[in-house]
Amino acid sequence: MTAAAEVQAMMPAGAAAVTPSQAELRSEDKVDAGEQRLQTGSSDMEISDGEMPAEGTVPQAVKKMSLVTHEAPTSTEQSDAAGGRSPTSTSDQDSSVKTLSWTLSVTYVAFMLYVQFIVQAGLCSIVYLLTPVVSLLGGAAAWWNLIDTVYEIHERVAILMAIALKGTKLYFYGDFEKARNIQESCIVICNHQVEGDYFVMAAAMEKTGKLSQLRHVMKDSLIWIPYVGSFLVARGSFFINRSNLNWKSFDNNCRRLCEDNVPTCLMIYPEGTTWNNAVDEGRIFEKSRQVAIESGREPFRHLLFPRARGFQRLLSQFRGQIKAVYDLTLVYSSTRDSSGAKKPAPSLTGKYLCD
């Protein structure tokens, strides 16, 4: 099955903070297709170097960017609908198809990870070998350019395998064209449903020309990935332990990027975790509702209430350097069936890579 991605971006009118505009509601059929929008408040908030805003508040200077991924019905579903075959007559066939689909998907994922490991090892070796020479001859600017270029090569390989080779189509709407090739440091806030979001998001950033500048705020367990963890630390990504926040390390990383004047596109996931709203509707969602109520906000239906501390800290530390804040939302059309009921978002070992 062919998957497609649709991105809508609202771009900054100037180099400073701008006033957000309410995103227009799309037609009801797109809402039924599973659109989820990361909502932000509109309260004013002053950010000073020495004072952190209260959690749960969102600055006036947030602009909107949203990403929607759509999937078409499978060929089996289409033929069944056209032929009027009953579920009983096709149950055995469907079971066999699902088993084969899962087997092929797992095999492809294993192959992709194997190739990724080889690419990662090779690229990291290049960085480690060239770092002394590049730093000596070109200084800090040349070193940052080297490590960002290597990162972009790695991301393009990932996009090739997970997006291009699968025939995934990307559709861009709104003012997205204005986002391309604008050299500015920015923050991108994004929802996070499944692991496959990473590839769709990277493909979207590639279209804007900001792929080499992309730096993530991510959970600290990812630092132990061979080659990748140490490489991401070196290039200024942020690793967070939610139960034991180390703001000193966080601030030192911000200061390092600012002092070297590194062009940066900071990607942060305010929900704090992956959350598939057709599956995980229990404890996680209830906790999110309680946080929203305690903050005096209306609970979200399709998103977890955002954790604001990391986002606010980035705004404070990069004040004067960040020129834009983008709100990017990922949505999969396959998360709604024909009756409007919720379905799980596609995963790495499911529809995303196999159908």
Protein backbone atom coordinates (compact mmCIF):
# COMPACT_ATOMS: atom_id res chain seq x y z
CA MET A 1 0.00 0.00 0.00
CA THR A 2 1.27 3.45 -0.84
CA ALA A 3 1.56 5.91 2.00
CA ALA A 4 1.56 9.66 1.52
CA ALA A 5 2.54 12.60 3.62
CA GLU A 6 1.05 16.08 3.53
CA VAL A 7 2.80 19.04 5.09
CA GLN A 8 1.45 22.51 5.71
CA ALA A 9 3.84 25.15 7.00
CA MET A 10 3.23 28.70 8.16
CA MET A 11 6.48 30.59 7.74
CA PRO A 12 7.75 33.62 9.71
CA ALA A 13 7.10 37.05 8.30
CA GLY A 14 10.25 38.42 9.88
CA ALA A 15 13.29 37.53 11.87
CA ALA A 16 11.69 38.13 15.23
CA ALA A 17 8.85 36.56 17.14
CA VAL A 18 5.48 36.85 15.43
CA THR A 19 1.88 36.57 16.56
CA PRO A 20 0.31 33.16 15.98
CA SER A 21 -2.78 32.77 13.86
CA GLN A 22 -5.44 30.23 14.48
CA ALA A 23 -5.13 27.39 12.00
CA GLU A 24 -8.27 27.03 9.90
CA LEU A 25 -10.22 23.88 10.45
CA ARG A 26 -9.91 21.55 7.53
CA SER A 27 -12.92 19.94 5.93
CA GLU A 28 -14.70 17.33 7.98
CA ASP A 29 -13.50 14.48 5.80
CA LYS A 30 -9.88 15.26 6.66
CA VAL A 31 -10.74 15.45 10.32
CA ASP A 32 -12.33 12.02 10.03
CA ALA A 33 -9.19 10.85 8.24
CA GLY A 34 -7.39 11.22 11.49
CA GLU A 35 -6.05 14.75 11.68
CA GLN A 36 -4.58 15.68 15.03
CA ARG A 37 -3.37 19.18 15.70
CA LEU A 38 -1.02 20.20 18.47
CA GLN A 39 -2.85 23.04 20.12
CA THR A 40 -1.12 25.88 21.87
CA GLY A 41 -2.46 28.59 24.10
CA SER A 42 -2.33 32.25 23.26
CA SER A 43 -1.37 33.76 26.59
CA ASP A 44 1.46 36.29 26.65
CA MET A 45 4.68 35.21 28.29
CA GLU A 46 7.87 37.16 28.93
CA ILE A 47 11.07 35.12 28.81
CA SER A 48 14.08 36.45 30.70
CA ASP A 49 17.57 35.06 30.99
CA GLY A 50 17.29 34.46 34.71
CA GLU A 51 13.65 33.43 35.14
CA MET A 52 11.80 30.44 33.77
CA PRO A 53 8.08 30.70 32.93
CA ALA A 54 5.60 28.46 34.69
CA GLU A 55 4.96 25.09 33.14
CA GLY A 56 1.75 24.90 31.12
CA THR A 57 2.08 28.40 29.60
CA VAL A 58 2.85 28.86 25.93
CA PRO A 59 4.46 32.00 24.47
CA GLN A 60 2.62 34.28 22.09
CA ALA A 61 5.45 33.86 19.58
CA VAL A 62 4.55 30.36 18.44
CA LYS A 63 3.82 29.88 14.75
CA LYS A 64 2.09 26.93 13.15
CA MET A 65 3.32 24.16 10.90
CA SER A 66 1.47 20.88 10.49
CA LEU A 67 2.21 17.59 8.78
CA VAL A 68 -0.40 15.06 7.72
CA THR A 69 0.24 11.53 6.45
CA HIS A 70 -2.42 9.71 4.47
CA GLU A 71 -2.73 6.08 3.45
CA ALA A 72 -4.99 4.48 0.86
CA PRO A 73 -7.04 1.31 1.39
CA THR A 74 -5.26 -1.95 0.59
CA SER A 75 -5.95 -3.72 -2.70
CA THR A 76 -7.59 -6.56 -0.73
CA GLU A 77 -10.00 -4.13 0.96
CA GLN A 78 -10.86 -2.54 -2.39
CA SER A 79 -11.50 -5.84 -4.15
CA ASP A 80 -13.60 -7.17 -1.26
CA ALA A 81 -15.74 -4.03 -1.31
CA ALA A 82 -16.18 -4.22 -5.07
CA GLY A 83 -16.99 -7.94 -5.14
CA GLY A 84 -19.21 -7.98 -2.10
CA ARG A 85 -17.41 -10.96 -0.58
CA SER A 86 -18.29 -11.86 2.99
CA PRO A 87 -15.72 -11.75 5.82
CA THR A 88 -16.12 -15.53 6.31
CA SER A 89 -15.10 -16.42 2.76
CA THR A 90 -11.96 -14.32 2.94
CA SER A 91 -10.86 -14.90 6.56
CA ASP A 92 -8.34 -17.64 5.73
CA GLN A 93 -6.92 -15.63 2.86
CA ASP A 94 -6.69 -12.50 5.00
CA SER A 95 -4.89 -14.44 7.73
CA SER A 96 -2.32 -15.75 5.26
CA VAL A 97 -1.82 -12.30 3.77
CA LYS A 98 -1.32 -10.77 7.21
CA THR A 99 1.23 -13.43 8.17
CA LEU A 100 3.16 -12.92 4.95
CA SER A 101 2.92 -9.16 5.33
CA TRP A 102 4.29 -9.28 8.87
CA THR A 103 7.14 -11.62 7.84
CA LEU A 104 8.17 -9.40 4.94
CA SER A 105 7.96 -6.33 7.14
CA VAL A 106 10.19 -7.77 9.87
CA THR A 107 12.68 -8.97 7.25
CA TYR A 108 12.79 -5.54 5.65
CA VAL A 109 13.22 -3.79 9.00
CA ALA A 110 16.09 -6.15 9.91
CA PHE A 111 17.75 -5.47 6.56
CA MET A 112 17.26 -1.73 6.95
CA LEU A 113 18.79 -1.76 10.44
CA TYR A 114 21.74 -3.79 9.18
CA VAL A 115 22.43 -1.34 6.37
CA GLN A 116 21.95 1.58 8.75
CA PHE A 117 24.48 0.09 11.16
CA ILE A 118 27.08 -0.23 8.39
CA VAL A 119 26.43 3.33 7.22
CA GLN A 120 26.58 4.68 10.76
CA ALA A 121 29.84 2.91 11.52
CA GLY A 122 31.41 4.15 8.30
CA LEU A 123 30.31 7.76 8.69
CA CYS A 124 31.32 7.94 12.36
CA SER A 125 34.74 6.54 11.49
CA ILE A 126 35.16 9.28 8.89
CA VAL A 127 34.28 11.94 11.45
CA TYR A 128 36.68 10.58 14.07
CA LEU A 129 39.53 10.35 11.55
CA LEU A 130 39.02 13.80 10.04
CA THR A 131 38.20 15.73 13.22
CA PRO A 132 41.83 16.52 14.23
CA VAL A 133 42.78 17.68 10.74
CA VAL A 134 39.62 19.70 10.11
CA SER A 135 39.72 21.35 13.55
CA LEU A 136 43.38 22.27 13.13
CA LEU A 137 43.05 23.71 9.64
CA GLY A 138 39.54 25.16 9.67
CA GLY A 139 38.66 25.71 13.31
CA ALA A 140 35.28 25.22 14.98
CA ALA A 141 33.22 26.38 11.99
CA ALA A 142 34.81 23.80 9.69
CA TRP A 143 34.30 21.04 12.26
CA TRP A 144 30.60 21.84 12.70
CA ASN A 145 30.20 21.88 8.92
CA LEU A 146 31.85 18.44 8.70
CA ILE A 147 29.73 16.79 11.38
CA ASP A 148 26.49 18.34 10.08
CA THR A 149 27.28 17.19 6.54
CA VAL A 150 27.90 13.64 7.74
CA TYR A 151 24.62 13.73 9.68
CA GLU A 152 22.74 14.86 6.57
CA ILE A 153 24.21 11.97 4.55
CA HIS A 154 23.05 9.53 7.22
CA GLU A 155 19.54 11.01 7.27
CA ARG A 156 19.27 10.88 3.49
CA VAL A 157 20.11 7.17 3.56
CA ALA A 158 17.39 6.62 6.18
CA ILE A 159 14.87 8.59 4.10
CA LEU A 160 15.83 6.62 0.99
CA MET A 161 15.19 3.28 2.67
CA ALA A 162 12.09 4.13 4.71
CA ILE A 163 10.37 6.62 2.40
CA ALA A 164 11.65 6.63 -1.19
CA LEU A 165 12.11 2.87 -1.68
CA LYS A 166 8.65 2.25 -0.24
CA GLY A 167 7.08 4.64 -2.73
CA THR A 168 5.80 7.01 -0.08
CA LYS A 169 4.50 10.24 -1.62
CA LEU A 170 4.80 13.59 0.12
CA TYR A 171 2.25 16.33 -0.53
CA PHE A 172 2.94 19.86 0.66
CA TYR A 173 0.24 22.50 1.07
CA GLY A 174 -0.22 26.04 2.29
CA ASP A 175 2.85 28.24 2.53
CA PHE A 176 5.33 25.38 2.65
CA GLU A 177 7.26 26.67 -0.36
CA LYS A 178 8.25 29.73 1.65
CA ALA A 179 10.03 27.46 4.14
CA ARG A 180 12.56 26.21 1.65
CA ASN A 181 16.18 27.29 1.90
CA ILE A 182 15.58 29.95 4.55
CA GLN A 183 18.73 30.07 6.65
CA GLU A 184 17.50 30.62 10.19
CA SER A 185 17.77 28.96 13.57
CA CYS A 186 14.39 27.70 14.74
CA ILE A 187 12.52 25.38 17.09
CA VAL A 188 10.10 22.76 15.77
CA ILE A 189 7.54 21.24 18.16
CA CYS A 190 6.03 17.97 16.97
CA ASN A 191 3.59 15.30 18.15
CA HIS A 192 4.88 11.73 18.34
CA GLN A 193 2.66 8.70 17.70
CA VAL A 194 4.94 5.89 16.50
CA GLU A 195 8.58 5.19 15.69
CA GLY A 196 7.99 5.76 11.99
CA ASP A 197 7.29 9.45 12.67
CA TYR A 198 11.05 9.97 12.61
CA PHE A 199 11.35 9.13 8.90
CA VAL A 200 8.36 11.21 7.83
CA MET A 201 9.58 14.18 9.88
CA ALA A 202 13.12 13.87 8.45
CA ALA A 203 11.72 13.80 4.91
CA ALA A 204 9.76 16.98 5.63
CA MET A 205 12.85 18.72 7.03
CA GLU A 206 14.81 17.65 3.96
CA LYS A 207 12.38 19.56 1.76
CA THR A 208 12.99 22.75 3.75
CA GLY A 209 16.78 22.55 3.45
CA LYS A 210 17.17 22.31 7.25
CA LEU A 211 18.04 18.62 7.48
CA SER A 212 21.74 19.19 8.24
CA GLN A 213 20.82 21.63 11.03
CA LEU A 214 18.36 19.28 12.75
CA ARG A 215 19.08 18.54 16.42
CA HIS A 216 16.69 16.57 18.59
CA VAL A 217 15.61 16.66 22.21
CA MET A 218 15.24 12.94 22.95
CA LYS A 219 15.10 10.40 25.77
CA ASP A 220 18.46 9.54 27.30
CA SER A 221 18.26 5.79 26.58
CA LEU A 222 19.01 6.53 22.91
CA ILE A 223 22.50 7.66 23.86
CA TRP A 224 23.49 3.98 24.12
CA ILE A 225 22.86 3.23 20.43
CA PRO A 226 26.26 2.16 19.00
CA TYR A 227 28.02 4.94 17.08
CA VAL A 228 24.86 7.05 16.87
CA GLY A 229 24.67 8.04 20.54
CA SER A 230 28.18 9.47 20.82
CA PHE A 231 27.85 11.08 17.39
CA LEU A 232 24.63 12.89 18.35
CA VAL A 233 26.18 14.06 21.62
CA ALA A 234 29.11 15.51 19.68
CA ARG A 235 26.86 17.46 17.32
CA GLY A 236 24.75 18.99 20.07
CA SER A 237 21.62 16.88 20.47
CA PHE A 238 19.89 16.87 23.85
CA PHE A 239 19.29 13.72 25.91
CA ILE A 240 16.67 13.96 28.65
CA ASN A 241 15.85 11.71 31.60
CA ARG A 242 12.33 12.78 32.59
CA SER A 243 12.66 11.33 36.09
CA ASN A 244 16.02 12.99 36.75
CA LEU A 245 16.35 16.19 34.74
CA ASN A 246 19.90 17.51 34.43
CA TRP A 247 19.39 21.15 33.51
CA LYS A 248 23.09 21.94 33.94
CA SER A 249 24.03 19.59 31.11
CA PHE A 250 21.09 20.91 29.06
CA ASP A 251 22.19 24.53 29.53
CA ASN A 252 25.84 23.71 28.77
CA ASN A 253 24.81 22.19 25.45
CA CYS A 254 22.73 25.27 24.62
CA ARG A 255 25.66 27.53 25.50
CA ARG A 256 28.02 25.50 23.32
CA LEU A 257 25.78 25.85 20.26
CA CYS A 258 25.22 29.56 20.89
CA GLU A 259 28.89 30.42 21.44
CA ASP A 260 29.92 28.72 18.19
CA ASN A 261 26.95 30.37 16.41
CA VAL A 262 25.86 27.03 14.97
CA PRO A 263 22.83 27.13 12.61
CA THR A 264 20.31 25.00 14.48
CA CYS A 265 16.86 23.52 13.91
CA LEU A 266 15.82 22.15 17.31
CA MET A 267 13.21 19.37 17.23
CA ILE A 268 11.31 18.76 20.47
CA TYR A 269 8.38 16.45 21.23
CA PRO A 270 6.37 18.17 24.00
CA GLU A 271 4.16 15.13 24.62
CA GLY A 272 7.22 13.49 26.15
CA THR A 273 6.63 10.02 24.68
CA THR A 274 5.20 8.14 21.73
CA TRP A 275 1.45 7.77 22.08
CA ASN A 276 -0.84 5.94 19.70
CA ASN A 277 -4.29 7.26 20.53
CA ALA A 278 -6.11 4.23 19.11
CA VAL A 279 -4.22 1.91 21.46
CA ASP A 280 -2.91 3.81 24.50
CA GLU A 281 -6.10 5.38 25.84
CA GLY A 282 -5.65 4.30 29.43
CA ARG A 283 -3.26 5.52 32.10
CA ILE A 284 -1.18 7.82 29.87
CA PHE A 285 -4.19 9.68 28.51
CA GLU A 286 -5.83 10.00 31.92
CA LYS A 287 -2.64 11.45 33.40
CA SER A 288 -2.51 13.94 30.53
CA ARG A 289 -6.11 14.98 31.23
CA GLN A 290 -5.30 15.61 34.88
CA VAL A 291 -2.28 17.78 33.99
CA ALA A 292 -4.42 19.83 31.60
CA ILE A 293 -7.15 20.34 34.20
CA GLU A 294 -4.62 21.33 36.87
CA SER A 295 -3.17 23.87 34.41
CA GLY A 296 -6.60 25.37 33.78
CA ARG A 297 -6.72 24.13 30.18
CA GLU A 298 -9.21 22.06 28.23
CA PRO A 299 -7.91 18.46 27.88
CA PHE A 300 -6.95 17.42 24.36
CA ARG A 301 -8.79 14.64 22.56
CA HIS A 302 -6.07 13.54 20.13
CA LEU A 303 -2.85 14.64 21.82
CA LEU A 304 -1.19 14.45 25.19
CA PHE A 305 -0.98 17.72 27.09
CA PRO A 306 2.49 19.13 26.30
CA ARG A 307 5.31 19.30 28.82
CA ALA A 308 6.51 22.87 28.51
CA ARG A 309 9.69 23.04 30.57
CA GLY A 310 12.13 21.86 27.89
CA PHE A 311 10.54 24.08 25.25
CA GLN A 312 10.61 27.12 27.52
CA ARG A 313 14.21 26.42 28.46
CA LEU A 314 15.24 26.32 24.80
CA LEU A 315 13.50 29.66 24.17
CA SER A 316 15.30 31.19 27.13
CA GLN A 317 18.77 29.83 26.32
CA PHE A 318 18.59 30.61 22.60
CA ARG A 319 17.00 34.01 23.02
CA GLY A 320 18.32 36.31 20.30
CA GLN A 321 19.31 33.41 18.06
CA ILE A 322 16.02 31.59 17.45
CA LYS A 323 14.08 33.37 14.70
CA ALA A 324 11.04 31.12 14.41
CA VAL A 325 9.01 28.47 16.22
CA TYR A 326 7.09 25.94 14.12
CA ASP A 327 4.24 23.68 15.20
CA LEU A 328 4.41 20.48 13.13
CA THR A 329 1.71 17.83 13.46
CA LEU A 330 1.88 14.30 12.04
CA VAL A 331 -1.38 12.58 11.12
CA TYR A 332 -2.02 9.26 9.39
CA SER A 333 -5.24 8.81 7.44
CA SER A 334 -5.19 5.09 8.24
CA THR A 335 -6.03 5.93 11.86
CA ARG A 336 -9.74 6.14 10.91
CA ASP A 337 -11.82 3.45 9.25
CA SER A 338 -14.86 4.02 7.05
CA SER A 339 -17.13 4.26 10.10
CA GLY A 340 -14.93 6.87 11.77
CA ALA A 341 -13.60 4.53 14.47
CA LYS A 342 -9.99 4.96 15.58
CA LYS A 343 -7.31 2.61 14.26
CA PRO A 344 -3.63 2.36 15.29
CA ALA A 345 -1.10 4.52 13.48
CA PRO A 346 1.23 2.54 11.17
CA SER A 347 4.32 1.11 12.86
CA LEU A 348 7.75 0.08 11.61
CA THR A 349 6.71 -3.59 11.52
CA GLY A 350 3.17 -2.94 10.28
CA LYS A 351 1.50 -1.00 7.52
CA TYR A 352 4.10 1.75 7.36
CA LEU A 353 6.70 -0.48 5.73
CA CYS A 354 4.78 -3.45 4.46
CA ASP A 355 1.46 -2.64 2.78
